[in-house]
Amino acid sequence: MGSKEITMYRGDTDIITVTVVDSEGTAFDLTGYTMRFTVKNKSSDTDSLAKIGPTTATIASPLTGIGLIAISETDSDLKDKSYIYDVQITDATHNKTVAKDNFIIIDDVTDETS
């Protein structure tokens, strides 16, 4: 995936595709790994202060390094501002951050409950 900014409207749902590659750009084999996604106000916040997660992503295609992060309406029901996120992969002996960037919520206009 590399790091890339994620922008969503408040209250929307989305599936974010994460493709993990090695330093040469080759798909990283995620067999035996779990993937976690976390959104916080700032990096130094504890997990208990996270705005989203830490949540476990679905490893959709381990051999091609693809994970899917489901963002629910409740997850994205956040104040209109910029947060920070990261994606980590973990197995029995490794913990690696594979992406970190801004997670931006934009205020919407339409009330979803109408």
N, C-alpha and C. Protein backbone atom coordinates (compact mmCIF):
# COMPACT_ATOMS: atom_id res chain seq x y z
N MET A 1 0.84 -1.18 0.00
CA MET A 1 0.00 0.00 0.00
C MET A 1 0.88 1.24 0.00
N GLY A 2 1.90 1.18 0.79
CA GLY A 2 2.60 2.44 1.01
C GLY A 2 1.64 3.35 1.74
N SER A 3 2.10 4.44 2.17
CA SER A 3 1.23 5.35 2.89
C SER A 3 0.48 6.23 1.90
N LYS A 4 -0.80 6.39 2.15
CA LYS A 4 -1.60 7.31 1.35
C LYS A 4 -2.72 7.86 2.22
N GLU A 5 -3.02 9.11 1.97
CA GLU A 5 -4.08 9.77 2.72
C GLU A 5 -5.43 9.13 2.39
N ILE A 6 -6.25 8.96 3.41
CA ILE A 6 -7.61 8.43 3.24
C ILE A 6 -8.58 9.55 3.59
N THR A 7 -9.51 9.83 2.69
CA THR A 7 -10.52 10.86 2.92
C THR A 7 -11.90 10.24 2.80
N MET A 8 -12.76 10.51 3.78
CA MET A 8 -14.12 10.00 3.79
C MET A 8 -15.08 11.09 4.25
N TYR A 9 -16.32 10.97 3.82
CA TYR A 9 -17.38 11.82 4.36
C TYR A 9 -17.89 11.21 5.65
N ARG A 10 -18.24 12.07 6.60
CA ARG A 10 -18.77 11.63 7.88
C ARG A 10 -19.99 10.74 7.66
N GLY A 11 -20.03 9.61 8.33
CA GLY A 11 -21.16 8.70 8.27
C GLY A 11 -21.20 7.77 7.08
N ASP A 12 -20.21 7.85 6.19
CA ASP A 12 -20.18 6.95 5.03
C ASP A 12 -19.55 5.61 5.39
N THR A 13 -19.79 4.62 4.55
CA THR A 13 -19.15 3.32 4.68
C THR A 13 -18.15 3.16 3.54
N ASP A 14 -17.17 2.32 3.75
CA ASP A 14 -16.18 2.08 2.70
C ASP A 14 -15.43 0.79 3.00
N ILE A 15 -14.85 0.22 1.96
CA ILE A 15 -13.92 -0.89 2.08
C ILE A 15 -12.60 -0.36 1.53
N ILE A 16 -11.60 -0.31 2.37
CA ILE A 16 -10.29 0.18 1.96
C ILE A 16 -9.41 -1.02 1.64
N THR A 17 -8.89 -1.05 0.44
CA THR A 17 -8.00 -2.14 0.03
C THR A 17 -6.57 -1.77 0.36
N VAL A 18 -5.88 -2.67 1.05
CA VAL A 18 -4.48 -2.48 1.40
C VAL A 18 -3.68 -3.56 0.69
N THR A 19 -2.70 -3.15 -0.10
CA THR A 19 -1.81 -4.10 -0.75
C THR A 19 -0.42 -3.92 -0.17
N VAL A 20 0.07 -4.94 0.51
CA VAL A 20 1.38 -4.88 1.15
C VAL A 20 2.42 -5.41 0.16
N VAL A 21 3.47 -4.61 -0.02
CA VAL A 21 4.56 -5.00 -0.91
C VAL A 21 5.88 -4.89 -0.15
N ASP A 22 6.89 -5.60 -0.64
CA ASP A 22 8.21 -5.50 -0.02
C ASP A 22 8.96 -4.29 -0.61
N SER A 23 10.21 -4.12 -0.23
CA SER A 23 10.98 -2.96 -0.65
C SER A 23 11.22 -2.90 -2.16
N GLU A 24 11.04 -4.02 -2.83
CA GLU A 24 11.22 -4.07 -4.29
C GLU A 24 9.89 -3.92 -5.04
N GLY A 25 8.80 -3.77 -4.28
CA GLY A 25 7.49 -3.60 -4.91
C GLY A 25 6.79 -4.90 -5.22
N THR A 26 7.32 -6.02 -4.73
CA THR A 26 6.72 -7.33 -4.95
C THR A 26 5.70 -7.60 -3.84
N ALA A 27 4.59 -8.21 -4.22
CA ALA A 27 3.54 -8.53 -3.23
C ALA A 27 4.13 -9.32 -2.07
N PHE A 28 3.78 -8.91 -0.86
CA PHE A 28 4.25 -9.55 0.37
C PHE A 28 3.26 -10.65 0.74
N ASP A 29 3.77 -11.85 0.99
CA ASP A 29 2.91 -12.99 1.35
C ASP A 29 2.42 -12.81 2.79
N LEU A 30 1.12 -12.62 2.95
CA LEU A 30 0.51 -12.40 4.26
C LEU A 30 0.04 -13.69 4.94
N THR A 31 0.40 -14.84 4.40
CA THR A 31 0.01 -16.10 5.01
C THR A 31 0.54 -16.15 6.45
N GLY A 32 -0.35 -16.39 7.40
CA GLY A 32 0.02 -16.46 8.80
C GLY A 32 0.04 -15.12 9.52
N TYR A 33 -0.25 -14.04 8.81
CA TYR A 33 -0.26 -12.70 9.41
C TYR A 33 -1.68 -12.25 9.72
N THR A 34 -1.80 -11.35 10.67
CA THR A 34 -3.03 -10.60 10.87
C THR A 34 -2.73 -9.16 10.51
N MET A 35 -3.77 -8.42 10.17
CA MET A 35 -3.62 -7.02 9.80
C MET A 35 -4.54 -6.19 10.69
N ARG A 36 -4.00 -5.11 11.25
CA ARG A 36 -4.79 -4.24 12.12
C ARG A 36 -4.76 -2.81 11.58
N PHE A 37 -5.89 -2.11 11.80
CA PHE A 37 -6.06 -0.73 11.36
C PHE A 37 -6.51 0.09 12.55
N THR A 38 -5.87 1.25 12.74
CA THR A 38 -6.20 2.11 13.87
C THR A 38 -6.19 3.57 13.42
N VAL A 39 -7.17 4.34 13.90
CA VAL A 39 -7.24 5.78 13.66
C VAL A 39 -7.24 6.48 15.02
N LYS A 40 -6.38 7.49 15.14
CA LYS A 40 -6.27 8.24 16.40
C LYS A 40 -6.15 9.74 16.10
N ASN A 41 -6.34 10.53 17.14
CA ASN A 41 -6.09 11.97 17.02
C ASN A 41 -4.62 12.25 16.77
N LYS A 42 -3.75 11.53 17.51
CA LYS A 42 -2.31 11.68 17.35
C LYS A 42 -1.64 10.35 17.66
N SER A 43 -0.46 10.16 17.13
CA SER A 43 0.26 8.88 17.26
C SER A 43 0.49 8.47 18.70
N SER A 44 0.69 9.43 19.58
CA SER A 44 1.02 9.11 20.97
C SER A 44 -0.19 8.70 21.81
N ASP A 45 -1.41 8.83 21.26
CA ASP A 45 -2.60 8.39 21.99
C ASP A 45 -2.55 6.88 22.22
N THR A 46 -3.05 6.43 23.37
CA THR A 46 -3.14 4.99 23.63
C THR A 46 -4.25 4.39 22.78
N ASP A 47 -4.23 3.07 22.63
CA ASP A 47 -5.27 2.40 21.85
C ASP A 47 -6.66 2.64 22.44
N SER A 48 -6.74 2.83 23.75
CA SER A 48 -8.05 3.08 24.36
C SER A 48 -8.65 4.42 23.91
N LEU A 49 -7.83 5.31 23.39
CA LEU A 49 -8.31 6.61 22.89
C LEU A 49 -8.53 6.60 21.37
N ALA A 50 -8.33 5.45 20.74
CA ALA A 50 -8.48 5.37 19.28
C ALA A 50 -9.89 5.76 18.86
N LYS A 51 -9.98 6.44 17.73
CA LYS A 51 -11.26 6.82 17.15
C LYS A 51 -11.86 5.66 16.36
N ILE A 52 -11.01 4.86 15.75
CA ILE A 52 -11.41 3.62 15.07
C ILE A 52 -10.39 2.57 15.45
N GLY A 53 -10.88 1.42 15.93
CA GLY A 53 -10.01 0.29 16.21
C GLY A 53 -9.28 0.37 17.52
N PRO A 54 -8.18 -0.37 17.63
CA PRO A 54 -7.63 -1.18 16.56
C PRO A 54 -8.62 -2.26 16.12
N THR A 55 -8.77 -2.38 14.82
CA THR A 55 -9.68 -3.35 14.26
C THR A 55 -8.91 -4.30 13.35
N THR A 56 -9.32 -5.54 13.31
CA THR A 56 -8.66 -6.53 12.47
C THR A 56 -9.23 -6.47 11.07
N ALA A 57 -8.35 -6.36 10.09
CA ALA A 57 -8.75 -6.35 8.69
C ALA A 57 -8.88 -7.79 8.19
N THR A 58 -9.55 -7.95 7.08
CA THR A 58 -9.68 -9.25 6.44
C THR A 58 -8.53 -9.43 5.46
N ILE A 59 -7.80 -10.53 5.59
CA ILE A 59 -6.77 -10.86 4.60
C ILE A 59 -7.49 -11.54 3.45
N ALA A 60 -7.71 -10.77 2.38
CA ALA A 60 -8.52 -11.25 1.26
C ALA A 60 -7.75 -12.16 0.33
N SER A 61 -6.48 -11.87 0.14
CA SER A 61 -5.64 -12.66 -0.75
C SER A 61 -4.22 -12.67 -0.20
N PRO A 62 -3.93 -13.64 0.66
CA PRO A 62 -2.63 -13.65 1.35
C PRO A 62 -1.43 -13.65 0.40
N LEU A 63 -1.48 -14.43 -0.66
CA LEU A 63 -0.32 -14.55 -1.55
C LEU A 63 -0.04 -13.28 -2.34
N THR A 64 -1.06 -12.45 -2.53
CA THR A 64 -0.86 -11.20 -3.26
C THR A 64 -0.82 -9.99 -2.32
N GLY A 65 -0.79 -10.24 -1.01
CA GLY A 65 -0.62 -9.18 -0.03
C GLY A 65 -1.81 -8.26 0.15
N ILE A 66 -3.01 -8.75 -0.15
CA ILE A 66 -4.19 -7.88 -0.13
C ILE A 66 -5.03 -8.09 1.13
N GLY A 67 -5.28 -6.98 1.82
CA GLY A 67 -6.17 -6.96 2.97
C GLY A 67 -7.29 -5.95 2.73
N LEU A 68 -8.42 -6.17 3.38
CA LEU A 68 -9.58 -5.28 3.25
C LEU A 68 -9.97 -4.76 4.62
N ILE A 69 -10.12 -3.43 4.71
CA ILE A 69 -10.52 -2.78 5.96
C ILE A 69 -11.92 -2.23 5.76
N ALA A 70 -12.87 -2.74 6.55
CA ALA A 70 -14.25 -2.28 6.46
C ALA A 70 -14.45 -1.10 7.40
N ILE A 71 -14.90 0.02 6.85
CA ILE A 71 -15.22 1.21 7.64
C ILE A 71 -16.74 1.33 7.67
N SER A 72 -17.30 1.27 8.87
CA SER A 72 -18.75 1.34 9.02
C SER A 72 -19.21 2.79 9.15
N GLU A 73 -20.51 2.98 9.05
CA GLU A 73 -21.12 4.29 9.25
C GLU A 73 -20.79 4.83 10.64
N THR A 74 -20.80 3.94 11.63
CA THR A 74 -20.47 4.33 13.00
C THR A 74 -18.99 4.72 13.11
N ASP A 75 -18.11 3.96 12.44
CA ASP A 75 -16.68 4.28 12.46
C ASP A 75 -16.41 5.69 11.96
N SER A 76 -17.04 6.05 10.85
CA SER A 76 -16.74 7.34 10.21
C SER A 76 -17.58 8.49 10.76
N ASP A 77 -18.39 8.22 11.77
CA ASP A 77 -19.19 9.28 12.38
C ASP A 77 -18.32 10.06 13.37
N LEU A 78 -17.36 10.77 12.81
CA LEU A 78 -16.37 11.51 13.57
C LEU A 78 -16.44 13.00 13.24
N LYS A 79 -15.84 13.79 14.09
CA LYS A 79 -15.76 15.23 13.87
C LYS A 79 -15.00 15.50 12.56
N ASP A 80 -15.44 16.51 11.85
CA ASP A 80 -14.84 16.96 10.60
C ASP A 80 -13.42 17.49 10.87
N LYS A 81 -12.41 16.63 10.63
CA LYS A 81 -11.01 17.03 10.86
C LYS A 81 -10.06 15.96 10.34
N SER A 82 -8.78 16.21 10.51
CA SER A 82 -7.75 15.26 10.10
C SER A 82 -7.27 14.46 11.30
N TYR A 83 -7.26 13.14 11.15
CA TYR A 83 -6.75 12.22 12.15
C TYR A 83 -5.50 11.56 11.56
N ILE A 84 -4.94 10.60 12.27
CA ILE A 84 -3.81 9.83 11.76
C ILE A 84 -4.17 8.35 11.86
N TYR A 85 -3.74 7.58 10.87
CA TYR A 85 -4.01 6.13 10.89
C TYR A 85 -2.72 5.38 10.65
N ASP A 86 -2.75 4.09 11.02
CA ASP A 86 -1.72 3.18 10.56
C ASP A 86 -2.31 1.80 10.34
N VAL A 87 -1.57 1.02 9.56
CA VAL A 87 -1.90 -0.37 9.28
C VAL A 87 -0.68 -1.18 9.69
N GLN A 88 -0.89 -2.19 10.53
CA GLN A 88 0.19 -3.06 10.97
C GLN A 88 -0.11 -4.50 10.61
N ILE A 89 0.95 -5.23 10.28
CA ILE A 89 0.81 -6.67 10.08
C ILE A 89 1.63 -7.36 11.18
N THR A 90 1.11 -8.50 11.65
CA THR A 90 1.73 -9.21 12.76
C THR A 90 1.64 -10.71 12.52
N ASP A 91 2.73 -11.39 12.82
CA ASP A 91 2.69 -12.86 12.90
C ASP A 91 3.32 -13.25 14.24
N ALA A 92 3.70 -14.49 14.40
CA ALA A 92 4.20 -14.96 15.70
C ALA A 92 5.48 -14.25 16.14
N THR A 93 6.27 -13.75 15.21
CA THR A 93 7.56 -13.14 15.57
C THR A 93 7.76 -11.71 15.06
N HIS A 94 6.86 -11.20 14.23
CA HIS A 94 7.05 -9.89 13.62
C HIS A 94 5.85 -8.98 13.84
N ASN A 95 6.13 -7.69 13.99
CA ASN A 95 5.11 -6.65 14.02
C ASN A 95 5.64 -5.51 13.17
N LYS A 96 4.96 -5.20 12.07
CA LYS A 96 5.48 -4.20 11.14
C LYS A 96 4.37 -3.24 10.72
N THR A 97 4.68 -1.95 10.80
CA THR A 97 3.77 -0.93 10.29
C THR A 97 4.01 -0.82 8.78
N VAL A 98 2.94 -1.03 8.01
CA VAL A 98 3.08 -1.02 6.55
C VAL A 98 2.49 0.23 5.92
N ALA A 99 1.77 1.03 6.69
CA ALA A 99 1.22 2.29 6.18
C ALA A 99 0.90 3.20 7.36
N LYS A 100 1.11 4.50 7.14
CA LYS A 100 0.75 5.50 8.14
C LYS A 100 0.58 6.83 7.41
N ASP A 101 -0.56 7.49 7.66
CA ASP A 101 -0.82 8.77 6.99
C ASP A 101 -2.03 9.43 7.64
N ASN A 102 -2.56 10.43 6.98
CA ASN A 102 -3.73 11.15 7.47
C ASN A 102 -5.02 10.42 7.11
N PHE A 103 -5.97 10.47 8.03
CA PHE A 103 -7.32 9.95 7.82
C PHE A 103 -8.24 11.16 8.01
N ILE A 104 -8.82 11.64 6.92
CA ILE A 104 -9.56 12.90 6.95
C ILE A 104 -11.05 12.63 6.84
N ILE A 105 -11.80 13.22 7.76
CA ILE A 105 -13.26 13.17 7.72
C ILE A 105 -13.76 14.53 7.26
N ILE A 106 -14.64 14.51 6.26
CA ILE A 106 -15.25 15.72 5.73
C ILE A 106 -16.72 15.69 6.12
N ASP A 107 -17.21 16.80 6.62
CA ASP A 107 -18.62 16.91 7.00
C ASP A 107 -19.49 16.71 5.77
N ASP A 108 -20.58 15.96 5.91
CA ASP A 108 -21.50 15.77 4.81
C ASP A 108 -22.67 16.74 4.94
N VAL A 109 -23.53 16.74 3.94
CA VAL A 109 -24.67 17.65 3.91
C VAL A 109 -25.98 16.92 4.20
N THR A 110 -26.15 15.77 3.58
CA THR A 110 -27.40 15.02 3.70
C THR A 110 -27.46 14.26 5.01
N ASP A 111 -28.57 14.34 5.69
CA ASP A 111 -28.80 13.58 6.91
C ASP A 111 -29.22 12.17 6.49
N GLU A 112 -28.39 11.16 6.81
CA GLU A 112 -28.64 9.78 6.39
C GLU A 112 -29.95 9.22 6.96
N THR A 113 -30.46 9.81 8.01
CA THR A 113 -31.65 9.26 8.64
C THR A 113 -32.95 9.78 8.02
N SER A 114 -32.85 10.67 7.04
CA SER A 114 -34.07 11.22 6.42
C SER A 114 -34.68 10.25 5.44
